[in-house]
Protein backbone atom coordinates (compact mmCIF):
# COMPACT_ATOMS: atom_id res chain seq x y z
CA MET A 1 -0.04 0.10 -0.11
CA ALA A 2 2.77 2.29 0.82
CA THR A 3 4.40 1.98 -2.57
CA SER A 4 1.17 3.43 -3.98
CA GLY A 5 0.21 6.00 -1.59
CA LYS A 6 -0.05 9.49 -2.49
CA ARG A 7 1.55 10.66 0.91
CA VAL A 8 3.64 8.45 3.35
CA LEU A 9 4.60 9.09 6.62
CA ALA A 10 7.13 6.52 8.27
CA ILE A 11 7.14 6.67 12.34
CA MET A 12 10.04 4.96 13.73
CA PRO A 13 12.29 4.71 16.60
CA GLN A 14 15.92 6.26 15.82
CA ASP A 15 19.24 4.81 16.86
CA LYS A 16 22.28 3.57 14.55
CA LYS A 17 20.84 -0.55 13.54
CA LYS A 18 17.18 1.15 12.52
CA PHE A 19 19.32 4.62 10.46
CA VAL A 20 21.44 2.68 8.34
CA GLU A 21 22.95 4.15 4.81
CA LYS A 22 21.40 0.80 3.21
CA VAL A 23 19.04 -1.63 4.31
CA GLU A 24 19.76 -5.45 3.38
CA TYR A 25 15.71 -5.82 2.79
CA LEU A 26 13.28 -3.78 1.34
CA THR A 27 9.84 -3.68 1.99
CA THR A 28 8.30 -0.47 1.36
CA PRO A 29 10.42 1.27 -1.70
CA GLY A 30 11.20 5.07 -0.78
CA PHE A 31 13.35 7.21 -3.36
CA LEU A 32 15.24 4.18 -4.25
CA GLY A 33 18.42 5.61 -6.47
CA GLY A 34 16.88 8.96 -6.45
CA PRO A 35 14.66 10.91 -8.68
CA GLY A 36 13.02 9.33 -11.53
CA GLU A 37 13.80 5.90 -10.05
CA ARG A 38 9.65 5.02 -8.58
CA GLU A 39 8.62 6.28 -11.90
CA LYS A 40 10.94 4.13 -14.22
CA LEU A 41 9.54 0.76 -12.25
CA GLY A 42 6.36 1.87 -12.58
CA MET A 43 5.11 3.14 -8.98
CA ILE A 44 2.35 5.28 -9.14
CA GLY A 45 2.73 6.80 -5.52
CA GLY A 46 4.47 10.02 -4.90
CA GLY A 47 7.14 8.19 -2.34
CA PRO A 48 7.61 9.29 1.44
CA ASP A 49 6.98 12.23 2.76
CA CYS A 50 8.52 12.63 5.71
CA VAL A 51 10.38 10.20 8.66
CA VAL A 52 9.26 10.71 12.00
CA SER A 53 11.62 9.27 14.31
CA THR A 54 12.02 9.24 18.45
CA MET A 55 14.40 12.57 17.72
CA GLY A 56 13.05 14.65 14.95
CA VAL A 57 11.34 15.09 11.90
CA TYR A 58 12.86 14.26 8.28
CA ARG A 59 12.00 15.52 4.90
CA PHE A 60 12.99 14.67 1.56
CA ASP A 61 15.30 16.91 -0.72
CA GLU A 62 13.24 18.15 -3.52
CA ASP A 63 16.41 17.55 -6.19
CA THR A 64 18.33 14.80 -4.88
CA LYS A 65 15.36 13.32 -3.24
CA GLU A 66 18.15 12.68 -0.45
CA MET A 67 16.55 12.27 3.46
CA TYR A 68 17.45 15.48 5.82
CA LEU A 69 16.53 16.31 9.26
CA ALA A 70 14.19 19.63 9.12
CA GLU A 71 13.73 19.53 12.67
CA TYR A 72 14.71 18.14 15.92
CA PHE A 73 12.72 17.39 19.39
CA PRO A 74 13.35 19.10 22.51
CA GLY A 75 15.71 17.82 24.48
CA GLN A 76 17.53 16.61 21.40
CA THR A 77 20.67 18.36 19.52
CA VAL A 78 21.75 17.76 16.06
CA GLU A 79 25.09 16.34 17.34
CA LYS A 80 23.06 13.62 19.33
CA ILE A 81 20.66 12.72 16.27
CA LYS A 82 23.76 12.55 13.85
CA ALA A 83 25.47 10.10 15.94
CA ALA A 84 22.10 8.03 16.15
CA CYS A 85 22.93 7.88 12.12
CA ALA A 86 24.72 5.16 10.70
CA TRP A 87 25.58 8.03 7.44
CA ASP A 88 26.49 11.29 7.29
CA LEU A 89 23.08 12.71 7.63
CA LYS A 90 22.65 16.25 6.00
CA VAL A 91 20.60 18.90 8.20
CA SER A 92 18.58 21.58 6.68
CA PRO A 93 20.50 25.29 6.87
CA ASN A 94 16.77 25.99 8.52
CA VAL A 95 16.59 23.00 10.99
CA ILE A 96 14.26 24.43 13.77
CA GLU A 97 13.32 22.53 17.36
CA THR A 98 9.98 21.24 17.13
CA PRO A 99 7.62 23.54 19.34
CA SER A 100 6.89 21.42 22.47
CA PRO A 101 3.31 20.00 22.66
CA THR A 102 0.43 21.83 23.86
CA GLU A 103 -1.53 20.19 27.01
CA GLU A 104 -4.20 19.73 24.62
CA GLU A 105 -2.02 17.95 22.45
CA LEU A 106 -0.14 15.86 25.17
CA ALA A 107 -3.53 14.73 26.25
CA ILE A 108 -4.49 13.48 22.56
CA ILE A 109 -0.87 11.69 22.24
CA ARG A 110 -1.04 10.35 25.40
CA GLY A 111 -4.50 8.53 24.11
CA ILE A 112 -2.66 6.88 21.50
CA ASP A 113 0.20 5.78 22.89
CA PRO A 114 -0.66 4.29 26.14
CA THR A 115 2.39 2.41 26.33
CA ASN A 116 4.39 5.56 26.29
CA PHE A 117 6.64 4.31 23.35
CA TYR A 118 6.88 7.58 21.71
CA LEU A 119 6.73 10.21 25.07
CA GLY A 120 8.50 7.89 26.90
């Protein structure tokens, strides 16, 4: 489904074992080798829109399709996030700290994250 999805959002914990330069097995292709690769293979979906990890938010460069850090969560630093990646992570020149959630937003998140996996 993600291959054909108009907009795909990935949510995952971040560590060097998951944020690797190259995967051994691919279940849901992103932008593969770069611009035009999805189209060559007949994939009708738009590819990933963003990745949300336990440390920040990643977007994809319009031209190269390479993933980059766009936002980092409160309590994180760019250096700490780069250390949790197994490649030379690109960082937006306009990288920002994500604003802290409001009490109402926290209540909603706690409702959908009862095990405290993401809020941990």
